[in-house]
Amino acid sequence: MIKGAIERSGLPGWLEPVRDAAERVLPEQLSRFLPPREGGRAAAVLMLFGEGPDGPDLLLIERARSLRSHAGQPSFPGGALDPEDGDPDGPGPIAAALREAWEETGLDPAGVQVFAALPRLYIPVSSFVVTPVLGWWREESPVHPVDQGETGAVFRVTIADLADPANRVRLRHPSGHVGPAFAVAGRLVWGFTAGVIDRVLHHSGLELPWDPSRIVDLSDDALALVQGDLEHSRALPGGDAGSS
């Protein structure tokens, strides 16, 4: 369990169910991909909730299309823990999530209130053991792609759009994995990021009834972007690129 740097109080009312769900949810209620007993590389992502002109929203990034891994894929800001982030079993994941968000988007971590952390999850294709850190953007700051070689775009998606049944599908990856996806902000959010969003909406009561029988395949453009991830996953025992 992560200790320190978490402040539960002072959240807007609409965000309290998210906090409460994060505090009680079990790892197996979030994903079938759970960390191995040994191994894996510690990482963290920042699931940052804000309140923009169109209502409650989430901050996401689009990874640069030139990257070898997860090119062009929308995701949470985040990455691997560095030694200076601290203990992976202590404040390390929170420090890493805030540091990575600053490095990728330029946001000021001082304006972020970390109010919860989800259980650790596993991404088989990269062997990352990921802690999703939940934050409230209490004092907003300008954001933009700091390094175009790493981050192609920084954007916000409203919770209403994410919950809208018209924007929800299940995505079939070439690996055979089928998982949740969101067609929002002119982008398709899928993989690990979509899986976390899907479960947070569900367990916090923000989910609206939608049709899970709507299954789509990755587009040719998306297939080209994820081909490197797919080839990597095939080389991993039990790997599944759809979980990335």
C-alpha atoms as a PDB file:
ATOM      1  CA  MET A   1       0.000   0.000   0.000  1.00  0.00           C
ATOM      2  CA  ILE A   2       1.206   3.473  -0.844  1.00  0.00           C
ATOM      3  CA  LYS A   3       1.820   5.623   2.184  1.00  0.00           C
ATOM      4  CA  GLY A   4       1.980   9.370   2.502  1.00  0.00           C
ATOM      5  CA  ALA A   5       1.219  12.174   0.046  1.00  0.00           C
ATOM      6  CA  ILE A   6      -2.481  11.205  -0.165  1.00  0.00           C
ATOM      7  CA  GLU A   7      -5.069  13.803   0.849  1.00  0.00           C
ATOM      8  CA  ARG A   8      -8.643  12.457   0.900  1.00  0.00           C
ATOM      9  CA  SER A   9     -10.599  15.563   1.851  1.00  0.00           C
ATOM     10  CA  GLY A  10     -11.509  18.698  -0.052  1.00  0.00           C
ATOM     11  CA  LEU A  11     -12.689  17.027  -3.264  1.00  0.00           C
ATOM     12  CA  PRO A  12     -15.701  18.150  -5.295  1.00  0.00           C
ATOM     13  CA  GLY A  13     -18.770  16.037  -4.595  1.00  0.00           C
ATOM     14  CA  TRP A  14     -18.760  14.329  -7.997  1.00  0.00           C
ATOM     15  CA  LEU A  15     -15.243  13.004  -7.361  1.00  0.00           C
ATOM     16  CA  GLU A  16     -15.895  11.490  -3.930  1.00  0.00           C
ATOM     17  CA  PRO A  17     -17.422   8.261  -5.363  1.00  0.00           C
ATOM     18  CA  VAL A  18     -14.247   7.790  -7.394  1.00  0.00           C
ATOM     19  CA  ARG A  19     -12.119   8.139  -4.256  1.00  0.00           C
ATOM     20  CA  ASP A  20     -14.348   5.759  -2.318  1.00  0.00           C
ATOM     21  CA  ALA A  21     -14.270   3.166  -5.090  1.00  0.00           C
ATOM     22  CA  ALA A  22     -10.473   3.413  -5.372  1.00  0.00           C
ATOM     23  CA  GLU A  23     -10.123   2.740  -1.664  1.00  0.00           C
ATOM     24  CA  ARG A  24     -12.206  -0.432  -1.688  1.00  0.00           C
ATOM     25  CA  VAL A  25     -11.630  -1.980  -5.116  1.00  0.00           C
ATOM     26  CA  LEU A  26      -9.650  -5.220  -5.352  1.00  0.00           C
ATOM     27  CA  PRO A  27      -6.961  -5.831  -7.986  1.00  0.00           C
ATOM     28  CA  GLU A  28      -8.936  -8.651  -9.612  1.00  0.00           C
ATOM     29  CA  GLN A  29     -11.895  -6.278 -10.010  1.00  0.00           C
ATOM     30  CA  LEU A  30      -9.746  -4.051 -12.210  1.00  0.00           C
ATOM     31  CA  SER A  31      -7.919  -6.456 -14.496  1.00  0.00           C
ATOM     32  CA  ARG A  32      -7.141 -10.087 -15.188  1.00  0.00           C
ATOM     33  CA  PHE A  33      -3.507  -9.057 -15.608  1.00  0.00           C
ATOM     34  CA  LEU A  34      -2.051  -8.913 -12.105  1.00  0.00           C
ATOM     35  CA  PRO A  35       1.614  -8.509 -11.121  1.00  0.00           C
ATOM     36  CA  PRO A  36       3.754 -11.644 -10.798  1.00  0.00           C
ATOM     37  CA  ARG A  37       5.086 -12.510  -7.379  1.00  0.00           C
ATOM     38  CA  GLU A  38       8.563 -11.580  -8.537  1.00  0.00           C
ATOM     39  CA  GLY A  39       9.959  -9.447 -11.330  1.00  0.00           C
ATOM     40  CA  GLY A  40       8.458  -6.691 -13.365  1.00  0.00           C
ATOM     41  CA  ARG A  41       9.470  -3.057 -13.564  1.00  0.00           C
ATOM     42  CA  ALA A  42       7.753  -0.584 -11.234  1.00  0.00           C
ATOM     43  CA  ALA A  43       5.847   2.183 -13.007  1.00  0.00           C
ATOM     44  CA  ALA A  44       3.071   4.663 -12.306  1.00  0.00           C
ATOM     45  CA  VAL A  45       0.524   6.680 -14.257  1.00  0.00           C
ATOM     46  CA  LEU A  46      -1.418   9.787 -13.270  1.00  0.00           C
ATOM     47  CA  MET A  47      -5.191   9.620 -13.685  1.00  0.00           C
ATOM     48  CA  LEU A  48      -5.811  13.344 -13.324  1.00  0.00           C
ATOM     49  CA  PHE A  49      -9.376  14.580 -12.891  1.00  0.00           C
ATOM     50  CA  GLY A  50     -10.141  18.207 -13.578  1.00  0.00           C
ATOM     51  CA  GLU A  51     -13.138  20.432 -14.093  1.00  0.00           C
ATOM     52  CA  GLY A  52     -12.935  22.264 -17.394  1.00  0.00           C
ATOM     53  CA  PRO A  53     -15.412  24.511 -19.189  1.00  0.00           C
ATOM     54  CA  ASP A  54     -17.408  21.463 -20.315  1.00  0.00           C
ATOM     55  CA  GLY A  55     -17.501  19.814 -16.898  1.00  0.00           C
ATOM     56  CA  PRO A  56     -15.516  17.111 -15.076  1.00  0.00           C
ATOM     57  CA  ASP A  57     -12.782  15.636 -17.237  1.00  0.00           C
ATOM     58  CA  LEU A  58      -9.597  13.585 -17.487  1.00  0.00           C
ATOM     59  CA  LEU A  59      -6.185  14.652 -18.760  1.00  0.00           C
ATOM     60  CA  LEU A  60      -4.708  12.328 -21.380  1.00  0.00           C
ATOM     61  CA  ILE A  61      -1.754  12.376 -23.730  1.00  0.00           C
ATOM     62  CA  GLU A  62      -1.157  10.888 -27.155  1.00  0.00           C
ATOM     63  CA  ARG A  63       2.192   9.228 -27.499  1.00  0.00           C
ATOM     64  CA  ALA A  64       4.326  10.366 -30.433  1.00  0.00           C
ATOM     65  CA  ARG A  65       3.827   8.359 -33.612  1.00  0.00           C
ATOM     66  CA  SER A  66       7.584   7.991 -34.028  1.00  0.00           C
ATOM     67  CA  LEU A  67       8.004   5.867 -30.898  1.00  0.00           C
ATOM     68  CA  ARG A  68       8.848   2.166 -31.163  1.00  0.00           C
ATOM     69  CA  SER A  69       6.355   1.179 -28.467  1.00  0.00           C
ATOM     70  CA  HIS A  70       2.678   2.251 -28.124  1.00  0.00           C
ATOM     71  CA  ALA A  71       3.135   4.802 -30.943  1.00  0.00           C
ATOM     72  CA  GLY A  72       0.215   7.183 -31.365  1.00  0.00           C
ATOM     73  CA  GLN A  73      -1.733   5.601 -28.526  1.00  0.00           C
ATOM     74  CA  PRO A  74      -3.698   7.776 -26.079  1.00  0.00           C
ATOM     75  CA  SER A  75      -2.665   7.131 -22.503  1.00  0.00           C
ATOM     76  CA  PHE A  76      -2.318   8.564 -19.043  1.00  0.00           C
ATOM     77  CA  PRO A  77       0.876  10.506 -18.356  1.00  0.00           C
ATOM     78  CA  GLY A  78       3.332   8.193 -16.643  1.00  0.00           C
ATOM     79  CA  GLY A  79       6.288   5.875 -16.863  1.00  0.00           C
ATOM     80  CA  ALA A  80       8.840   3.849 -14.973  1.00  0.00           C
ATOM     81  CA  LEU A  81       9.999   4.775 -11.481  1.00  0.00           C
ATOM     82  CA  ASP A  82      13.427   6.357 -11.241  1.00  0.00           C
ATOM     83  CA  PRO A  83      15.654   5.793  -8.196  1.00  0.00           C
ATOM     84  CA  GLU A  84      15.063   9.369  -7.054  1.00  0.00           C
ATOM     85  CA  ASP A  85      11.308   8.753  -6.907  1.00  0.00           C
ATOM     86  CA  GLY A  86      11.775   6.654  -3.784  1.00  0.00           C
ATOM     87  CA  ASP A  87      10.460   3.375  -2.463  1.00  0.00           C
ATOM     88  CA  PRO A  88       8.088   1.543  -4.859  1.00  0.00           C
ATOM     89  CA  ASP A  89       6.251   0.311  -1.754  1.00  0.00           C
ATOM     90  CA  GLY A  90       6.097   3.830  -0.331  1.00  0.00           C
ATOM     91  CA  PRO A  91       5.820   7.256  -1.966  1.00  0.00           C
ATOM     92  CA  GLY A  92       7.693   6.236  -5.118  1.00  0.00           C
ATOM     93  CA  PRO A  93       4.678   5.709  -7.415  1.00  0.00           C
ATOM     94  CA  ILE A  94       3.149   9.063  -6.482  1.00  0.00           C
ATOM     95  CA  ALA A  95       6.438  10.867  -7.057  1.00  0.00           C
ATOM     96  CA  ALA A  96       6.922   9.086 -10.383  1.00  0.00           C
ATOM     97  CA  ALA A  97       3.393   9.808 -11.627  1.00  0.00           C
ATOM     98  CA  LEU A  98       3.730  13.527 -10.853  1.00  0.00           C
ATOM     99  CA  ARG A  99       7.263  13.733 -12.258  1.00  0.00           C
ATOM    100  CA  GLU A 100       6.319  11.984 -15.487  1.00  0.00           C
ATOM    101  CA  ALA A 101       3.239  14.181 -15.909  1.00  0.00           C
ATOM    102  CA  TRP A 102       5.423  17.258 -15.497  1.00  0.00           C
ATOM    103  CA  GLU A 103       8.013  15.943 -17.957  1.00  0.00           C
ATOM    104  CA  GLU A 104       5.391  15.029 -20.569  1.00  0.00           C
ATOM    105  CA  THR A 105       2.844  17.843 -20.246  1.00  0.00           C
ATOM    106  CA  GLY A 106       4.527  20.619 -18.262  1.00  0.00           C
ATOM    107  CA  LEU A 107       1.790  20.621 -15.619  1.00  0.00           C
ATOM    108  CA  ASP A 108       2.693  22.034 -12.208  1.00  0.00           C
ATOM    109  CA  PRO A 109       2.569  19.135  -9.682  1.00  0.00           C
ATOM    110  CA  ALA A 110       1.961  21.655  -6.888  1.00  0.00           C
ATOM    111  CA  GLY A 111      -1.574  22.097  -8.219  1.00  0.00           C
ATOM    112  CA  VAL A 112      -2.404  18.383  -8.040  1.00  0.00           C
ATOM    113  CA  GLN A 113      -4.021  16.811  -4.986  1.00  0.00           C
ATOM    114  CA  VAL A 114      -3.364  13.066  -4.942  1.00  0.00           C
ATOM    115  CA  PHE A 115      -6.420  11.528  -3.322  1.00  0.00           C
ATOM    116  CA  ALA A 116      -6.022   7.784  -3.951  1.00  0.00           C
ATOM    117  CA  ALA A 117      -4.033   5.065  -5.649  1.00  0.00           C
ATOM    118  CA  LEU A 118      -5.418   1.943  -7.287  1.00  0.00           C
ATOM    119  CA  PRO A 119      -3.915  -1.512  -6.722  1.00  0.00           C
ATOM    120  CA  ARG A 120      -0.941  -2.408  -8.851  1.00  0.00           C
ATOM    121  CA  LEU A 121      -1.698  -3.848 -12.277  1.00  0.00           C
ATOM    122  CA  TYR A 122       0.443  -5.616 -14.860  1.00  0.00           C
ATOM    123  CA  ILE A 123       1.168  -4.923 -18.528  1.00  0.00           C
ATOM    124  CA  PRO A 124       2.555  -8.216 -19.916  1.00  0.00           C
ATOM    125  CA  VAL A 125       3.847  -6.741 -23.174  1.00  0.00           C
ATOM    126  CA  SER A 126       6.232  -4.427 -21.314  1.00  0.00           C
ATOM    127  CA  SER A 127       6.499  -6.246 -17.950  1.00  0.00           C
ATOM    128  CA  PHE A 128       5.534  -3.027 -16.175  1.00  0.00           C
ATOM    129  CA  VAL A 129       3.938  -3.274 -12.734  1.00  0.00           C
ATOM    130  CA  VAL A 130       1.827  -0.120 -12.821  1.00  0.00           C
ATOM    131  CA  THR A 131       0.276   1.868  -9.986  1.00  0.00           C
ATOM    132  CA  PRO A 132      -2.499   4.185 -11.215  1.00  0.00           C
ATOM    133  CA  VAL A 133      -2.308   7.340  -9.062  1.00  0.00           C
ATOM    134  CA  LEU A 134      -5.535   9.365  -8.870  1.00  0.00           C
ATOM    135  CA  GLY A 135      -5.312  13.144  -8.646  1.00  0.00           C
ATOM    136  CA  TRP A 136      -7.601  16.179  -8.493  1.00  0.00           C
ATOM    137  CA  TRP A 137      -6.391  19.132 -10.569  1.00  0.00           C
ATOM    138  CA  ARG A 138      -7.075  21.595  -7.802  1.00  0.00           C
ATOM    139  CA  GLU A 139      -5.093  24.450  -9.333  1.00  0.00           C
ATOM    140  CA  GLU A 140      -4.788  24.101 -13.077  1.00  0.00           C
ATOM    141  CA  SER A 141      -1.663  25.040 -14.996  1.00  0.00           C
ATOM    142  CA  PRO A 142      -0.943  25.236 -18.731  1.00  0.00           C
ATOM    143  CA  VAL A 143      -0.176  21.897 -20.404  1.00  0.00           C
ATOM    144  CA  HIS A 144       1.352  21.025 -23.768  1.00  0.00           C
ATOM    145  CA  PRO A 145       3.639  18.368 -25.302  1.00  0.00           C
ATOM    146  CA  VAL A 146       7.013  19.113 -23.735  1.00  0.00           C
ATOM    147  CA  ASP A 147       8.962  16.815 -26.081  1.00  0.00           C
ATOM    148  CA  GLN A 148       7.339  16.171 -29.453  1.00  0.00           C
ATOM    149  CA  GLY A 149       9.553  13.121 -29.819  1.00  0.00           C
ATOM    150  CA  GLU A 150       7.758  11.564 -26.839  1.00  0.00           C
ATOM    151  CA  THR A 151       4.339  13.203 -26.659  1.00  0.00           C
ATOM    152  CA  GLY A 152       2.275  14.002 -29.733  1.00  0.00           C
ATOM    153  CA  ALA A 153      -0.610  15.750 -27.996  1.00  0.00           C
ATOM    154  CA  VAL A 154      -2.069  16.639 -24.600  1.00  0.00           C
ATOM    155  CA  PHE A 155      -5.856  16.770 -24.375  1.00  0.00           C
ATOM    156  CA  ARG A 156      -8.804  16.600 -21.995  1.00  0.00           C
ATOM    157  CA  VAL A 157     -11.827  14.322 -22.271  1.00  0.00           C
ATOM    158  CA  THR A 158     -14.998  14.948 -20.301  1.00  0.00           C
ATOM    159  CA  ILE A 159     -16.351  12.252 -18.021  1.00  0.00           C
ATOM    160  CA  ALA A 160     -19.706  12.736 -19.758  1.00  0.00           C
ATOM    161  CA  ASP A 161     -18.162  11.814 -23.120  1.00  0.00           C
ATOM    162  CA  LEU A 162     -16.406   8.794 -21.631  1.00  0.00           C
ATOM    163  CA  ALA A 163     -19.638   7.587 -20.031  1.00  0.00           C
ATOM    164  CA  ASP A 164     -21.761   8.258 -23.120  1.00  0.00           C
ATOM    165  CA  PRO A 165     -22.926   4.846 -24.449  1.00  0.00           C
ATOM    166  CA  ALA A 166     -22.607   6.159 -28.019  1.00  0.00           C
ATOM    167  CA  ASN A 167     -18.834   6.504 -27.511  1.00  0.00           C
ATOM    168  CA  ARG A 168     -18.248   3.046 -26.067  1.00  0.00           C
ATOM    169  CA  VAL A 169     -17.174  -0.100 -27.912  1.00  0.00           C
ATOM    170  CA  ARG A 170     -15.131  -3.204 -27.289  1.00  0.00           C
ATOM    171  CA  LEU A 171     -11.962  -3.398 -29.350  1.00  0.00           C
ATOM    172  CA  ARG A 172     -10.569  -6.624 -30.798  1.00  0.00           C
ATOM    173  CA  HIS A 173      -6.786  -6.603 -31.031  1.00  0.00           C
ATOM    174  CA  PRO A 174      -4.900  -8.828 -33.529  1.00  0.00           C
ATOM    175  CA  SER A 175      -3.662 -10.831 -30.528  1.00  0.00           C
ATOM    176  CA  GLY A 176      -7.264 -11.924 -29.982  1.00  0.00           C
ATOM    177  CA  HIS A 177      -7.718  -9.873 -26.827  1.00  0.00           C
ATOM    178  CA  VAL A 178     -11.002  -7.943 -26.640  1.00  0.00           C
ATOM    179  CA  GLY A 179     -11.191  -4.990 -24.257  1.00  0.00           C
ATOM    180  CA  PRO A 180     -13.032  -1.724 -23.684  1.00  0.00           C
ATOM    181  CA  ALA A 181     -12.420   1.314 -25.846  1.00  0.00           C
ATOM    182  CA  PHE A 182     -13.704   4.882 -26.044  1.00  0.00           C
ATOM    183  CA  ALA A 183     -14.175   6.904 -29.240  1.00  0.00           C
ATOM    184  CA  VAL A 184     -13.670  10.410 -27.831  1.00  0.00           C
ATOM    185  CA  ALA A 185     -11.963  13.682 -28.779  1.00  0.00           C
ATOM    186  CA  GLY A 186     -11.380  12.391 -32.303  1.00  0.00           C
ATOM    187  CA  ARG A 187      -9.306   9.514 -30.936  1.00  0.00           C
ATOM    188  CA  LEU A 188      -9.710   5.898 -29.937  1.00  0.00           C
ATOM    189  CA  VAL A 189      -8.679   5.282 -26.323  1.00  0.00           C
ATOM    190  CA  TRP A 190      -7.950   1.582 -25.789  1.00  0.00           C
ATOM    191  CA  GLY A 191      -5.585  -0.861 -24.085  1.00  0.00           C
ATOM    192  CA  PHE A 192      -4.459  -0.404 -20.490  1.00  0.00           C
ATOM    193  CA  THR A 193      -5.733   3.176 -20.282  1.00  0.00           C
ATOM    194  CA  ALA A 194      -9.224   2.296 -21.477  1.00  0.00           C
ATOM    195  CA  GLY A 195      -9.317  -0.687 -19.138  1.00  0.00           C
ATOM    196  CA  VAL A 196      -8.597   1.482 -16.105  1.00  0.00           C
ATOM    197  CA  ILE A 197     -11.110   4.135 -17.165  1.00  0.00           C
ATOM    198  CA  ASP A 198     -13.751   1.468 -17.760  1.00  0.00           C
ATOM    199  CA  ARG A 199     -13.321  -0.064 -14.303  1.00  0.00           C
ATOM    200  CA  VAL A 200     -13.178   3.295 -12.501  1.00  0.00           C
ATOM    201  CA  LEU A 201     -16.412   4.408 -14.182  1.00  0.00           C
ATOM    202  CA  HIS A 202     -18.031   1.099 -13.277  1.00  0.00           C
ATOM    203  CA  HIS A 203     -17.005   0.876  -9.627  1.00  0.00           C
ATOM    204  CA  SER A 204     -17.624   4.561  -8.891  1.00  0.00           C
ATOM    205  CA  GLY A 205     -21.150   4.486 -10.298  1.00  0.00           C
ATOM    206  CA  LEU A 206     -20.381   6.906 -13.155  1.00  0.00           C
ATOM    207  CA  GLU A 207     -20.970   4.274 -15.825  1.00  0.00           C
ATOM    208  CA  LEU A 208     -24.112   4.434 -17.959  1.00  0.00           C
ATOM    209  CA  PRO A 209     -25.701   1.340 -19.544  1.00  0.00           C
ATOM    210  CA  TRP A 210     -23.986   0.581 -22.862  1.00  0.00           C
ATOM    211  CA  ASP A 211     -23.888  -2.200 -25.433  1.00  0.00           C
ATOM    212  CA  PRO A 212     -20.814  -4.452 -24.907  1.00  0.00           C
ATOM    213  CA  SER A 213     -21.755  -6.446 -28.008  1.00  0.00           C
ATOM    214  CA  ARG A 214     -20.431  -3.573 -30.159  1.00  0.00           C
ATOM    215  CA  ILE A 215     -17.058  -5.024 -31.109  1.00  0.00           C
ATOM    216  CA  VAL A 216     -14.726  -3.325 -33.589  1.00  0.00           C
ATOM    217  CA  ASP A 217     -11.308  -4.239 -34.944  1.00  0.00           C
ATOM    218  CA  LEU A 218      -8.302  -1.949 -34.914  1.00  0.00           C
ATOM    219  CA  SER A 219      -8.136   0.226 -38.032  1.00  0.00           C
ATOM    220  CA  ASP A 220      -5.358  -0.233 -40.592  1.00  0.00           C
ATOM    221  CA  ASP A 221      -3.744   2.962 -39.318  1.00  0.00           C
ATOM    222  CA  ALA A 222      -3.851   1.768 -35.719  1.00  0.00           C
ATOM    223  CA  LEU A 223      -2.590  -1.660 -36.753  1.00  0.00           C
ATOM    224  CA  ALA A 224       0.478  -0.067 -38.309  1.00  0.00           C
ATOM    225  CA  LEU A 225       1.148   1.874 -35.129  1.00  0.00           C
ATOM    226  CA  VAL A 226       0.884  -1.153 -32.824  1.00  0.00           C
ATOM    227  CA  GLN A 227       2.662  -3.667 -35.053  1.00  0.00           C
ATOM    228  CA  GLY A 228       5.864  -3.359 -33.044  1.00  0.00           C
ATOM    229  CA  ASP A 229       3.991  -4.016 -29.821  1.00  0.00           C
ATOM    230  CA  LEU A 230       2.252  -7.022 -31.374  1.00  0.00           C
ATOM    231  CA  GLU A 231       5.531  -8.574 -32.523  1.00  0.00           C
ATOM    232  CA  HIS A 232       7.026  -7.974 -29.079  1.00  0.00           C
ATOM    233  CA  SER A 233       4.087  -9.594 -27.356  1.00  0.00           C
ATOM    234  CA  ARG A 234       4.362 -12.709 -29.505  1.00  0.00           C
ATOM    235  CA  ALA A 235       7.894 -13.171 -28.221  1.00  0.00           C
ATOM    236  CA  LEU A 236       6.753 -13.067 -24.605  1.00  0.00           C
ATOM    237  CA  PRO A 237       5.512 -16.244 -22.892  1.00  0.00           C
ATOM    238  CA  GLY A 238       1.833 -15.562 -22.322  1.00  0.00           C
ATOM    239  CA  GLY A 239       2.210 -12.031 -23.703  1.00  0.00           C
ATOM    240  CA  ASP A 240      -0.864 -10.057 -24.764  1.00  0.00           C
ATOM    241  CA  ALA A 241      -0.380  -6.834 -26.618  1.00  0.00           C
ATOM    242  CA  GLY A 242      -4.004  -5.935 -26.068  1.00  0.00           C
ATOM    243  CA  SER A 243      -3.262  -5.301 -22.417  1.00  0.00           C
ATOM    244  CA  SER A 244      -0.812  -2.516 -23.141  1.00  0.00           C
END
